């Protein structure tokens, strides 16, 4: 999977920007990261929810691994050389949707005055 294709796909999603994140590149929606690209550009880090993460790990073990931050699993690490383009694009969309849901949060009711 070519990074240029991933970039074009991610940037085609509504309100997405590409910005630096330390030594990484990142795709963000409303300023919040949903995908990062490490400096070597051989992998993609995709921040999806647990259910999507476990499904991807079960279906695509040849190119998808858990992405750890310390002992916590935050998302998926995708090997771009081995990845199926359709799967990578679907994971990017899932990460985007996950980020959008998190930003929306639960509806809050105003307290009566």
PDB file of N, CA and C in Angstrom:
ATOM      1  N   UNK A   1       0.850  -1.178   0.000  1.00  0.00           N
ATOM      2  CA  UNK A   1       0.000   0.000   0.000  1.00  0.00           C
ATOM      3  C   UNK A   1       0.887   1.230   0.000  1.00  0.00           C
ATOM      4  N   UNK A   2       0.613   2.127  -0.886  1.00  0.00           N
ATOM      5  CA  UNK A   2       1.401   3.349  -1.023  1.00  0.00           C
ATOM      6  C   UNK A   2       0.894   4.429  -0.065  1.00  0.00           C
ATOM      7  N   UNK A   3       1.839   5.115   0.538  1.00  0.00           N
ATOM      8  CA  UNK A   3       1.507   6.184   1.464  1.00  0.00           C
ATOM      9  C   UNK A   3       0.734   7.308   0.769  1.00  0.00           C
ATOM     10  N   UNK A   4       1.055   7.587  -0.470  1.00  0.00           N
ATOM     11  CA  UNK A   4       0.338   8.639  -1.215  1.00  0.00           C
ATOM     12  C   UNK A   4      -1.144   8.307  -1.338  1.00  0.00           C
ATOM     13  N   UNK A   5      -1.476   7.038  -1.516  1.00  0.00           N
ATOM     14  CA  UNK A   5      -2.883   6.629  -1.601  1.00  0.00           C
ATOM     15  C   UNK A   5      -3.594   6.792  -0.259  1.00  0.00           C
ATOM     16  N   UNK A   6      -2.900   6.452   0.813  1.00  0.00           N
ATOM     17  CA  UNK A   6      -3.470   6.609   2.153  1.00  0.00           C
ATOM     18  C   UNK A   6      -3.699   8.091   2.435  1.00  0.00           C
ATOM     19  N   UNK A   7      -2.714   8.889   2.098  1.00  0.00           N
ATOM     20  CA  UNK A   7      -2.813  10.336   2.327  1.00  0.00           C
ATOM     21  C   UNK A   7      -4.027  10.907   1.583  1.00  0.00           C
ATOM     22  N   UNK A   8      -4.162  10.572   0.302  1.00  0.00           N
ATOM     23  CA  UNK A   8      -5.283  11.077  -0.498  1.00  0.00           C
ATOM     24  C   UNK A   8      -6.616  10.614   0.093  1.00  0.00           C
ATOM     25  N   UNK A   9      -6.666   9.362   0.512  1.00  0.00           N
ATOM     26  CA  UNK A   9      -7.904   8.824   1.092  1.00  0.00           C
ATOM     27  C   UNK A   9      -8.262   9.548   2.391  1.00  0.00           C
ATOM     28  N   UNK A  10      -7.304   9.671   3.294  1.00  0.00           N
ATOM     29  CA  UNK A  10      -7.562  10.318   4.583  1.00  0.00           C
ATOM     30  C   UNK A  10      -7.993  11.774   4.387  1.00  0.00           C
ATOM     31  N   UNK A  11      -7.304  12.476   3.492  1.00  0.00           N
ATOM     32  CA  UNK A  11      -7.615  13.889   3.281  1.00  0.00           C
ATOM     33  C   UNK A  11      -8.940  14.097   2.549  1.00  0.00           C
ATOM     34  N   UNK A  12      -9.481  13.032   1.959  1.00  0.00           N
ATOM     35  CA  UNK A  12     -10.785  13.151   1.296  1.00  0.00           C
ATOM     36  C   UNK A  12     -11.942  13.123   2.297  1.00  0.00           C
ATOM     37  N   UNK A  13     -11.661  12.724   3.526  1.00  0.00           N
ATOM     38  CA  UNK A  13     -12.688  12.686   4.568  1.00  0.00           C
ATOM     39  C   UNK A  13     -12.954  14.104   5.079  1.00  0.00           C
ATOM     40  N   UNK A  14     -14.185  14.367   5.437  1.00  0.00           N
ATOM     41  CA  UNK A  14     -14.591  15.713   5.837  1.00  0.00           C
ATOM     42  C   UNK A  14     -13.797  16.245   7.025  1.00  0.00           C
ATOM     43  N   UNK A  15     -13.288  17.469   6.879  1.00  0.00           N
ATOM     44  CA  UNK A  15     -12.610  18.226   7.941  1.00  0.00           C
ATOM     45  C   UNK A  15     -11.274  17.628   8.378  1.00  0.00           C
ATOM     46  N   UNK A  16     -10.643  16.792   7.549  1.00  0.00           N
ATOM     47  CA  UNK A  16      -9.368  16.166   7.914  1.00  0.00           C
ATOM     48  C   UNK A  16      -8.201  17.042   7.470  1.00  0.00           C
ATOM     49  N   UNK A  17      -7.213  17.149   8.357  1.00  0.00           N
ATOM     50  CA  UNK A  17      -5.976  17.844   8.046  1.00  0.00           C
ATOM     51  C   UNK A  17      -4.805  16.909   8.326  1.00  0.00           C
ATOM     52  N   UNK A  18      -3.681  17.200   7.694  1.00  0.00           N
ATOM     53  CA  UNK A  18      -2.446  16.479   8.003  1.00  0.00           C
ATOM     54  C   UNK A  18      -1.518  17.459   8.697  1.00  0.00           C
ATOM     55  N   UNK A  19      -1.000  17.039   9.855  1.00  0.00           N
ATOM     56  CA  UNK A  19      -0.149  17.917  10.652  1.00  0.00           C
ATOM     57  C   UNK A  19       0.980  17.098  11.272  1.00  0.00           C
ATOM     58  N   UNK A  20       2.107  17.755  11.562  1.00  0.00           N
ATOM     59  CA  UNK A  20       3.177  17.036  12.252  1.00  0.00           C
ATOM     60  C   UNK A  20       2.773  16.704  13.686  1.00  0.00           C
ATOM     61  N   UNK A  21       3.307  15.595  14.169  1.00  0.00           N
ATOM     62  CA  UNK A  21       3.121  15.186  15.564  1.00  0.00           C
ATOM     63  C   UNK A  21       4.459  14.633  16.032  1.00  0.00           C
ATOM     64  N   UNK A  22       5.257  15.490  16.650  1.00  0.00           N
ATOM     65  CA  UNK A  22       6.644  15.174  17.006  1.00  0.00           C
ATOM     66  C   UNK A  22       7.378  14.786  15.717  1.00  0.00           C
ATOM     67  N   UNK A  23       7.941  13.588  15.621  1.00  0.00           N
ATOM     68  CA  UNK A  23       8.630  13.165  14.396  1.00  0.00           C
ATOM     69  C   UNK A  23       7.697  12.432  13.441  1.00  0.00           C
ATOM     70  N   UNK A  24       6.451  12.296  13.813  1.00  0.00           N
ATOM     71  CA  UNK A  24       5.450  11.589  13.010  1.00  0.00           C
ATOM     72  C   UNK A  24       4.629  12.595  12.196  1.00  0.00           C
ATOM     73  N   UNK A  25       3.941  12.066  11.213  1.00  0.00           N
ATOM     74  CA  UNK A  25       2.901  12.828  10.540  1.00  0.00           C
ATOM     75  C   UNK A  25       1.583  12.313  11.112  1.00  0.00           C
ATOM     76  N   UNK A  26       0.569  13.168  11.146  1.00  0.00           N
ATOM     77  CA  UNK A  26      -0.708  12.724  11.691  1.00  0.00           C
ATOM     78  C   UNK A  26      -1.862  13.249  10.851  1.00  0.00           C
ATOM     79  N   UNK A  27      -2.935  12.478  10.859  1.00  0.00           N
ATOM     80  CA  UNK A  27      -4.189  12.918  10.267  1.00  0.00           C
ATOM     81  C   UNK A  27      -5.124  13.211  11.425  1.00  0.00           C
ATOM     82  N   UNK A  28      -5.792  14.366  11.326  1.00  0.00           N
ATOM     83  CA  UNK A  28      -6.631  14.821  12.423  1.00  0.00           C
ATOM     84  C   UNK A  28      -7.982  15.284  11.895  1.00  0.00           C
ATOM     85  N   UNK A  29      -8.962  15.170  12.756  1.00  0.00           N
ATOM     86  CA  UNK A  29     -10.265  15.751  12.478  1.00  0.00           C
ATOM     87  C   UNK A  29     -10.590  16.628  13.681  1.00  0.00           C
ATOM     88  N   UNK A  30     -10.902  17.887  13.407  1.00  0.00           N
ATOM     89  CA  UNK A  30     -11.147  18.877  14.467  1.00  0.00           C
ATOM     90  C   UNK A  30      -9.985  18.932  15.446  1.00  0.00           C
ATOM     91  N   UNK A  31      -8.781  18.771  14.933  1.00  0.00           N
ATOM     92  CA  UNK A  31      -7.582  18.859  15.759  1.00  0.00           C
ATOM     93  C   UNK A  31      -7.222  17.599  16.519  1.00  0.00           C
ATOM     94  N   UNK A  32      -8.023  16.543  16.416  1.00  0.00           N
ATOM     95  CA  UNK A  32      -7.784  15.303  17.162  1.00  0.00           C
ATOM     96  C   UNK A  32      -7.232  14.224  16.239  1.00  0.00           C
ATOM     97  N   UNK A  33      -6.187  13.557  16.684  1.00  0.00           N
ATOM     98  CA  UNK A  33      -5.491  12.548  15.884  1.00  0.00           C
ATOM     99  C   UNK A  33      -6.304  11.267  15.780  1.00  0.00           C
ATOM    100  N   UNK A  34      -6.346  10.702  14.551  1.00  0.00           N
ATOM    101  CA  UNK A  34      -6.953   9.384  14.372  1.00  0.00           C
ATOM    102  C   UNK A  34      -6.023   8.417  13.641  1.00  0.00           C
ATOM    103  N   UNK A  35      -4.978   8.918  12.988  1.00  0.00           N
ATOM    104  CA  UNK A  35      -3.964   8.088  12.321  1.00  0.00           C
ATOM    105  C   UNK A  35      -2.626   8.806  12.433  1.00  0.00           C
ATOM    106  N   UNK A  36      -1.549   8.033  12.681  1.00  0.00           N
ATOM    107  CA  UNK A  36      -0.204   8.606  12.607  1.00  0.00           C
ATOM    108  C   UNK A  36       0.662   7.761  11.676  1.00  0.00           C
ATOM    109  N   UNK A  37       1.676   8.413  11.131  1.00  0.00           N
ATOM    110  CA  UNK A  37       2.642   7.756  10.250  1.00  0.00           C
ATOM    111  C   UNK A  37       4.020   7.942  10.881  1.00  0.00           C
ATOM    112  N   UNK A  38       4.653   6.853  11.323  1.00  0.00           N
ATOM    113  CA  UNK A  38       5.999   6.959  11.881  1.00  0.00           C
ATOM    114  C   UNK A  38       6.991   7.460  10.825  1.00  0.00           C
ATOM    115  N   UNK A  39       8.123   8.017  11.263  1.00  0.00           N
ATOM    116  CA  UNK A  39       9.086   8.619  10.332  1.00  0.00           C
ATOM    117  C   UNK A  39       9.596   7.679   9.234  1.00  0.00           C
ATOM    118  N   UNK A  40       9.715   6.391   9.525  1.00  0.00           N
ATOM    119  CA  UNK A  40      10.225   5.464   8.497  1.00  0.00           C
ATOM    120  C   UNK A  40       9.209   5.206   7.389  1.00  0.00           C
ATOM    121  N   UNK A  41       7.947   5.557   7.624  1.00  0.00           N
ATOM    122  CA  UNK A  41       6.860   5.460   6.650  1.00  0.00           C
ATOM    123  C   UNK A  41       6.607   4.050   6.115  1.00  0.00           C
ATOM    124  N   UNK A  42       6.898   3.042   6.940  1.00  0.00           N
ATOM    125  CA  UNK A  42       6.642   1.651   6.554  1.00  0.00           C
ATOM    126  C   UNK A  42       5.398   1.083   7.227  1.00  0.00           C
ATOM    127  N   UNK A  43       4.921   1.802   8.235  1.00  0.00           N
ATOM    128  CA  UNK A  43       3.752   1.368   8.998  1.00  0.00           C
ATOM    129  C   UNK A  43       2.790   2.539   9.155  1.00  0.00           C
ATOM    130  N   UNK A  44       1.584   2.197   9.518  1.00  0.00           N
ATOM    131  CA  UNK A  44       0.550   3.178   9.809  1.00  0.00           C
ATOM    132  C   UNK A  44       0.004   2.845  11.188  1.00  0.00           C
ATOM    133  N   UNK A  45      -0.205   3.849  12.020  1.00  0.00           N
ATOM    134  CA  UNK A  45      -0.823   3.646  13.320  1.00  0.00           C
ATOM    135  C   UNK A  45      -2.252   4.161  13.234  1.00  0.00           C
ATOM    136  N   UNK A  46      -3.196   3.271  13.477  1.00  0.00           N
ATOM    137  CA  UNK A  46      -4.614   3.566  13.300  1.00  0.00           C
ATOM    138  C   UNK A  46      -5.302   3.419  14.655  1.00  0.00           C
ATOM    139  N   UNK A  47      -5.966   4.478  15.105  1.00  0.00           N
ATOM    140  CA  UNK A  47      -6.588   4.501  16.427  1.00  0.00           C
ATOM    141  C   UNK A  47      -8.078   4.186  16.312  1.00  0.00           C
ATOM    142  N   UNK A  48      -8.386   2.909  16.477  1.00  0.00           N
ATOM    143  CA  UNK A  48      -9.760   2.425  16.389  1.00  0.00           C
ATOM    144  C   UNK A  48     -10.195   1.895  17.752  1.00  0.00           C
ATOM    145  N   UNK A  49     -11.485   1.719  17.909  1.00  0.00           N
ATOM    146  CA  UNK A  49     -12.028   1.179  19.146  1.00  0.00           C
ATOM    147  C   UNK A  49     -11.697  -0.295  19.315  1.00  0.00           C
ATOM    148  N   UNK A  50     -11.907  -0.787  20.510  1.00  0.00           N
ATOM    149  CA  UNK A  50     -11.544  -2.167  20.856  1.00  0.00           C
ATOM    150  C   UNK A  50     -12.215  -3.200  19.951  1.00  0.00           C
ATOM    151  N   UNK A  51     -13.490  -3.036  19.683  1.00  0.00           N
ATOM    152  CA  UNK A  51     -14.203  -4.015  18.855  1.00  0.00           C
ATOM    153  C   UNK A  51     -13.623  -4.075  17.435  1.00  0.00           C
ATOM    154  N   UNK A  52     -13.399  -2.915  16.831  1.00  0.00           N
ATOM    155  CA  UNK A  52     -12.803  -2.870  15.491  1.00  0.00           C
ATOM    156  C   UNK A  52     -11.375  -3.406  15.514  1.00  0.00           C
ATOM    157  N   UNK A  53     -10.654  -3.084  16.585  1.00  0.00           N
ATOM    158  CA  UNK A  53      -9.269  -3.545  16.714  1.00  0.00           C
ATOM    159  C   UNK A  53      -9.211  -5.072  16.779  1.00  0.00           C
ATOM    160  N   UNK A  54     -10.036  -5.670  17.617  1.00  0.00           N
ATOM    161  CA  UNK A  54     -10.014  -7.119  17.763  1.00  0.00           C
ATOM    162  C   UNK A  54     -10.441  -7.826  16.471  1.00  0.00           C
ATOM    163  N   UNK A  55     -11.400  -7.265  15.779  1.00  0.00           N
ATOM    164  CA  UNK A  55     -11.838  -7.844  14.506  1.00  0.00           C
ATOM    165  C   UNK A  55     -10.708  -7.786  13.480  1.00  0.00           C
ATOM    166  N   UNK A  56     -10.029  -6.660  13.375  1.00  0.00           N
ATOM    167  CA  UNK A  56      -8.926  -6.522  12.418  1.00  0.00           C
ATOM    168  C   UNK A  56      -7.781  -7.477  12.759  1.00  0.00           C
ATOM    169  N   UNK A  57      -7.483  -7.623  14.032  1.00  0.00           N
ATOM    170  CA  UNK A  57      -6.424  -8.547  14.453  1.00  0.00           C
ATOM    171  C   UNK A  57      -6.770  -9.989  14.083  1.00  0.00           C
ATOM    172  N   UNK A  58      -8.028 -10.359  14.235  1.00  0.00           N
ATOM    173  CA  UNK A  58      -8.462 -11.721  13.918  1.00  0.00           C
ATOM    174  C   UNK A  58      -8.480 -11.975  12.411  1.00  0.00           C
ATOM    175  N   UNK A  59      -8.911 -10.985  11.645  1.00  0.00           N
ATOM    176  CA  UNK A  59      -9.060 -11.172  10.200  1.00  0.00           C
ATOM    177  C   UNK A  59      -7.779 -10.951   9.402  1.00  0.00           C
ATOM    178  N   UNK A  60      -6.848 -10.136   9.929  1.00  0.00           N
ATOM    179  CA  UNK A  60      -5.673  -9.741   9.143  1.00  0.00           C
ATOM    180  C   UNK A  60      -4.373  -9.853   9.938  1.00  0.00           C
ATOM    181  N   UNK A  61      -4.103 -11.006  10.526  1.00  0.00           N
ATOM    182  CA  UNK A  61      -2.901 -11.139  11.355  1.00  0.00           C
ATOM    183  C   UNK A  61      -1.590 -11.026  10.565  1.00  0.00           C
ATOM    184  N   UNK A  62      -1.641 -11.153   9.258  1.00  0.00           N
ATOM    185  CA  UNK A  62      -0.425 -11.068   8.447  1.00  0.00           C
ATOM    186  C   UNK A  62       0.139  -9.654   8.381  1.00  0.00           C
ATOM    187  N   UNK A  63      -0.714  -8.647   8.609  1.00  0.00           N
ATOM    188  CA  UNK A  63      -0.197  -7.273   8.500  1.00  0.00           C
ATOM    189  C   UNK A  63      -0.716  -6.301   9.557  1.00  0.00           C
ATOM    190  N   UNK A  64      -1.474  -6.799  10.525  1.00  0.00           N
ATOM    191  CA  UNK A  64      -2.009  -5.941  11.586  1.00  0.00           C
ATOM    192  C   UNK A  64      -1.529  -6.459  12.941  1.00  0.00           C
ATOM    193  N   UNK A  65      -1.010  -5.537  13.765  1.00  0.00           N
ATOM    194  CA  UNK A  65      -0.579  -5.859  15.130  1.00  0.00           C
ATOM    195  C   UNK A  65      -1.166  -4.842  16.089  1.00  0.00           C
ATOM    196  N   UNK A  66      -1.174  -5.195  17.372  1.00  0.00           N
ATOM    197  CA  UNK A  66      -1.601  -4.243  18.398  1.00  0.00           C
ATOM    198  C   UNK A  66      -0.581  -3.113  18.480  1.00  0.00           C
ATOM    199  N   UNK A  67      -1.074  -1.922  18.704  1.00  0.00           N
ATOM    200  CA  UNK A  67      -0.222  -0.756  18.912  1.00  0.00           C
ATOM    201  C   UNK A  67      -0.250  -0.433  20.402  1.00  0.00           C
ATOM    202  N   UNK A  68       0.906  -0.578  21.036  1.00  0.00           N
ATOM    203  CA  UNK A  68       1.015  -0.358  22.477  1.00  0.00           C
ATOM    204  C   UNK A  68       1.574   1.023  22.792  1.00  0.00           C
ATOM    205  N   UNK A  69       1.096   1.579  23.888  1.00  0.00           N
ATOM    206  CA  UNK A  69       1.687   2.751  24.516  1.00  0.00           C
ATOM    207  C   UNK A  69       1.922   2.326  25.953  1.00  0.00           C
ATOM    208  N   UNK A  70       3.154   1.926  26.243  1.00  0.00           N
ATOM    209  CA  UNK A  70       3.434   1.291  27.526  1.00  0.00           C
ATOM    210  C   UNK A  70       2.747  -0.061  27.529  1.00  0.00           C
ATOM    211  N   UNK A  71       1.925  -0.310  28.527  1.00  0.00           N
ATOM    212  CA  UNK A  71       1.208  -1.591  28.588  1.00  0.00           C
ATOM    213  C   UNK A  71      -0.212  -1.491  28.028  1.00  0.00           C
ATOM    214  N   UNK A  72      -0.599  -0.301  27.608  1.00  0.00           N
ATOM    215  CA  UNK A  72      -1.953  -0.080  27.102  1.00  0.00           C
ATOM    216  C   UNK A  72      -1.999  -0.201  25.575  1.00  0.00           C
ATOM    217  N   UNK A  73      -3.026  -0.881  25.062  1.00  0.00           N
ATOM    218  CA  UNK A  73      -3.228  -0.996  23.618  1.00  0.00           C
ATOM    219  C   UNK A  73      -4.079   0.188  23.176  1.00  0.00           C
ATOM    220  N   UNK A  74      -3.532   0.984  22.251  1.00  0.00           N
ATOM    221  CA  UNK A  74      -4.238   2.184  21.798  1.00  0.00           C
ATOM    222  C   UNK A  74      -4.861   2.051  20.420  1.00  0.00           C
ATOM    223  N   UNK A  75      -4.377   1.103  19.642  1.00  0.00           N
ATOM    224  CA  UNK A  75      -4.869   0.979  18.271  1.00  0.00           C
ATOM    225  C   UNK A  75      -4.170  -0.148  17.556  1.00  0.00           C
ATOM    226  N   UNK A  76      -3.950   0.065  16.262  1.00  0.00           N
ATOM    227  CA  UNK A  76      -3.325  -0.951  15.407  1.00  0.00           C
ATOM    228  C   UNK A  76      -2.094  -0.409  14.708  1.00  0.00           C
ATOM    229  N   UNK A  77      -1.138  -1.274  14.529  1.00  0.00           N
ATOM    230  CA  UNK A  77       0.056  -0.971  13.736  1.00  0.00           C
ATOM    231  C   UNK A  77      -0.083  -1.796  12.463  1.00  0.00           C
ATOM    232  N   UNK A  78      -0.129  -1.132  11.310  1.00  0.00           N
ATOM    233  CA  UNK A  78      -0.373  -1.780  10.027  1.00  0.00           C
ATOM    234  C   UNK A  78       0.905  -1.768   9.210  1.00  0.00           C
ATOM    235  N   UNK A  79       1.353  -2.938   8.766  1.00  0.00           N
ATOM    236  CA  UNK A  79       2.529  -3.087   7.908  1.00  0.00           C
ATOM    237  C   UNK A  79       2.109  -2.783   6.471  1.00  0.00           C
ATOM    238  N   UNK A  80       2.520  -1.633   5.965  1.00  0.00           N
ATOM    239  CA  UNK A  80       2.050  -1.177   4.658  1.00  0.00           C
ATOM    240  C   UNK A  80       2.528  -2.044   3.499  1.00  0.00           C
ATOM    241  N   UNK A  81       3.687  -2.651   3.608  1.00  0.00           N
ATOM    242  CA  UNK A  81       4.204  -3.494   2.527  1.00  0.00           C
ATOM    243  C   UNK A  81       3.360  -4.752   2.335  1.00  0.00           C
ATOM    244  N   UNK A  82       2.722  -5.203   3.404  1.00  0.00           N
ATOM    245  CA  UNK A  82       1.955  -6.442   3.341  1.00  0.00           C
ATOM    246  C   UNK A  82       0.444  -6.224   3.341  1.00  0.00           C
ATOM    247  N   UNK A  83       0.027  -5.000   3.594  1.00  0.00           N
ATOM    248  CA  UNK A  83      -1.390  -4.706   3.786  1.00  0.00           C
ATOM    249  C   UNK A  83      -2.189  -4.702   2.488  1.00  0.00           C
ATOM    250  N   UNK A  84      -3.447  -5.045   2.621  1.00  0.00           N
ATOM    251  CA  UNK A  84      -4.410  -4.975   1.525  1.00  0.00           C
ATOM    252  C   UNK A  84      -4.978  -3.554   1.489  1.00  0.00           C
ATOM    253  N   UNK A  85      -4.875  -2.868   0.339  1.00  0.00           N
ATOM    254  CA  UNK A  85      -5.338  -1.474   0.280  1.00  0.00           C
ATOM    255  C   UNK A  85      -6.775  -1.263   0.759  1.00  0.00           C
ATOM    256  N   UNK A  86      -7.687  -2.129   0.388  1.00  0.00           N
ATOM    257  CA  UNK A  86      -9.083  -1.952   0.802  1.00  0.00           C
ATOM    258  C   UNK A  86      -9.224  -2.029   2.323  1.00  0.00           C
ATOM    259  N   UNK A  87      -8.459  -2.897   2.954  1.00  0.00           N
ATOM    260  CA  UNK A  87      -8.515  -3.035   4.411  1.00  0.00           C
ATOM    261  C   UNK A  87      -7.942  -1.789   5.079  1.00  0.00           C
ATOM    262  N   UNK A  88      -6.819  -1.294   4.561  1.00  0.00           N
ATOM    263  CA  UNK A  88      -6.210  -0.093   5.136  1.00  0.00           C
ATOM    264  C   UNK A  88      -7.174   1.084   5.031  1.00  0.00           C
ATOM    265  N   UNK A  89      -7.788   1.256   3.877  1.00  0.00           N
ATOM    266  CA  UNK A  89      -8.744   2.355   3.701  1.00  0.00           C
ATOM    267  C   UNK A  89      -9.919   2.214   4.670  1.00  0.00           C
ATOM    268  N   UNK A  90     -10.401   0.997   4.850  1.00  0.00           N
ATOM    269  CA  UNK A  90     -11.512   0.763   5.775  1.00  0.00           C
ATOM    270  C   UNK A  90     -11.091   1.073   7.212  1.00  0.00           C
ATOM    271  N   UNK A  91      -9.871   0.722   7.592  1.00  0.00           N
ATOM    272  CA  UNK A  91      -9.387   1.013   8.939  1.00  0.00           C
ATOM    273  C   UNK A  91      -9.234   2.517   9.170  1.00  0.00           C
ATOM    274  N   UNK A  92      -8.786   3.230   8.157  1.00  0.00           N
ATOM    275  CA  UNK A  92      -8.677   4.688   8.265  1.00  0.00           C
ATOM    276  C   UNK A  92     -10.057   5.294   8.501  1.00  0.00           C
ATOM    277  N   UNK A  93     -11.044   4.817   7.761  1.00  0.00           N
ATOM    278  CA  UNK A  93     -12.417   5.313   7.944  1.00  0.00           C
ATOM    279  C   UNK A  93     -12.927   4.960   9.336  1.00  0.00           C
ATOM    280  N   UNK A  94     -12.656   3.751   9.810  1.00  0.00           N
ATOM    281  CA  UNK A  94     -13.086   3.347  11.161  1.00  0.00           C
ATOM    282  C   UNK A  94     -12.446   4.258  12.216  1.00  0.00           C
ATOM    283  N   UNK A  95     -11.153   4.558  12.043  1.00  0.00           N
ATOM    284  CA  UNK A  95     -10.470   5.438  12.992  1.00  0.00           C
ATOM    285  C   UNK A  95     -11.077   6.838  12.965  1.00  0.00           C
ATOM    286  N   UNK A  96     -11.392   7.324  11.790  1.00  0.00           N
ATOM    287  CA  UNK A  96     -12.036   8.625  11.624  1.00  0.00           C
ATOM    288  C   UNK A  96     -13.388   8.630  12.340  1.00  0.00           C
ATOM    289  N   UNK A  97     -14.186   7.597  12.097  1.00  0.00           N
ATOM    290  CA  UNK A  97     -15.508   7.495  12.733  1.00  0.00           C
ATOM    291  C   UNK A  97     -15.387   7.391  14.255  1.00  0.00           C
ATOM    292  N   UNK A  98     -14.395   6.650  14.722  1.00  0.00           N
ATOM    293  CA  UNK A  98     -14.162   6.512  16.165  1.00  0.00           C
ATOM    294  C   UNK A  98     -13.857   7.878  16.768  1.00  0.00           C
ATOM    295  N   UNK A  99     -12.985   8.640  16.112  1.00  0.00           N
ATOM    296  CA  UNK A  99     -12.621   9.967  16.600  1.00  0.00           C
ATOM    297  C   UNK A  99     -13.838  10.898  16.604  1.00  0.00           C
ATOM    298  N   UNK A 100     -14.638  10.825  15.559  1.00  0.00           N
ATOM    299  CA  UNK A 100     -15.831  11.674  15.472  1.00  0.00           C
ATOM    300  C   UNK A 100     -16.812  11.337  16.606  1.00  0.00           C
ATOM    301  N   UNK A 101     -16.988  10.049  16.880  1.00  0.00           N
ATOM    302  CA  UNK A 101     -17.889   9.630  17.972  1.00  0.00           C
ATOM    303  C   UNK A 101     -17.375  10.122  19.321  1.00  0.00           C
ATOM    304  N   UNK A 102     -16.073  10.000  19.548  1.00  0.00           N
ATOM    305  CA  UNK A 102     -15.495  10.441  20.819  1.00  0.00           C
ATOM    306  C   UNK A 102     -15.691  11.935  21.007  1.00  0.00           C
ATOM    307  N   UNK A 103     -15.534  12.694  19.934  1.00  0.00           N
ATOM    308  CA  UNK A 103     -15.701  14.141  20.029  1.00  0.00           C
ATOM    309  C   UNK A 103     -17.148  14.522  20.279  1.00  0.00           C
ATOM    310  N   UNK A 104     -18.069  13.751  19.712  1.00  0.00           N
ATOM    311  CA  UNK A 104     -19.487  14.066  19.900  1.00  0.00           C
ATOM    312  C   UNK A 104     -19.875  13.847  21.353  1.00  0.00           C
ATOM    313  N   UNK A 105     -19.379  12.749  21.930  1.00  0.00           N
ATOM    314  CA  UNK A 105     -19.647  12.449  23.334  1.00  0.00           C
ATOM    315  C   UNK A 105     -21.132  12.278  23.621  1.00  0.00           C
ATOM    316  N   UNK A 106     -21.459  11.981  24.853  1.00  0.00           N
ATOM    317  CA  UNK A 106     -22.869  11.829  25.217  1.00  0.00           C
ATOM    318  C   UNK A 106     -23.549  13.184  25.222  1.00  0.00           C
ATOM    319  N   UNK A 107     -24.811  13.183  24.901  1.00  0.00           N
ATOM    320  CA  UNK A 107     -25.544  14.451  24.924  1.00  0.00           C
ATOM    321  C   UNK A 107     -25.695  14.894  26.373  1.00  0.00           C
ATOM    322  N   UNK A 108     -25.576  16.174  26.576  1.00  0.00           N
ATOM    323  CA  UNK A 108     -25.677  16.719  27.926  1.00  0.00           C
ATOM    324  C   UNK A 108     -26.934  17.557  28.025  1.00  0.00           C
ATOM    325  N   UNK A 109     -27.654  17.369  29.114  1.00  0.00           N
ATOM    326  CA  UNK A 109     -28.842  18.159  29.348  1.00  0.00           C
ATOM    327  C   UNK A 109     -28.469  19.319  30.270  1.00  0.00           C
ATOM    328  N   UNK A 110     -29.081  20.430  30.003  1.00  0.00           N
ATOM    329  CA  UNK A 110     -28.836  21.591  30.859  1.00  0.00           C
ATOM    330  C   UNK A 110     -29.584  21.424  32.178  1.00  0.00           C
ATOM    331  N   UNK A 111     -28.922  21.814  33.214  1.00  0.00           N
ATOM    332  CA  UNK A 111     -29.566  21.792  34.535  1.00  0.00           C
ATOM    333  C   UNK A 111     -30.599  22.902  34.597  1.00  0.00           C
ATOM    334  N   UNK A 112     -31.740  22.617  35.202  1.00  0.00           N
ATOM    335  CA  UNK A 112     -32.759  23.678  35.329  1.00  0.00           C
ATOM    336  C   UNK A 112     -32.252  24.802  36.214  1.00  0.00           C
ATOM    337  N   UNK A 113     -32.718  25.993  35.925  1.00  0.00           N
ATOM    338  CA  UNK A 113     -32.279  27.157  36.712  1.00  0.00           C
ATOM    339  C   UNK A 113     -33.203  27.430  37.852  1.00  0.00           C
TER     340      UNK A 113
END
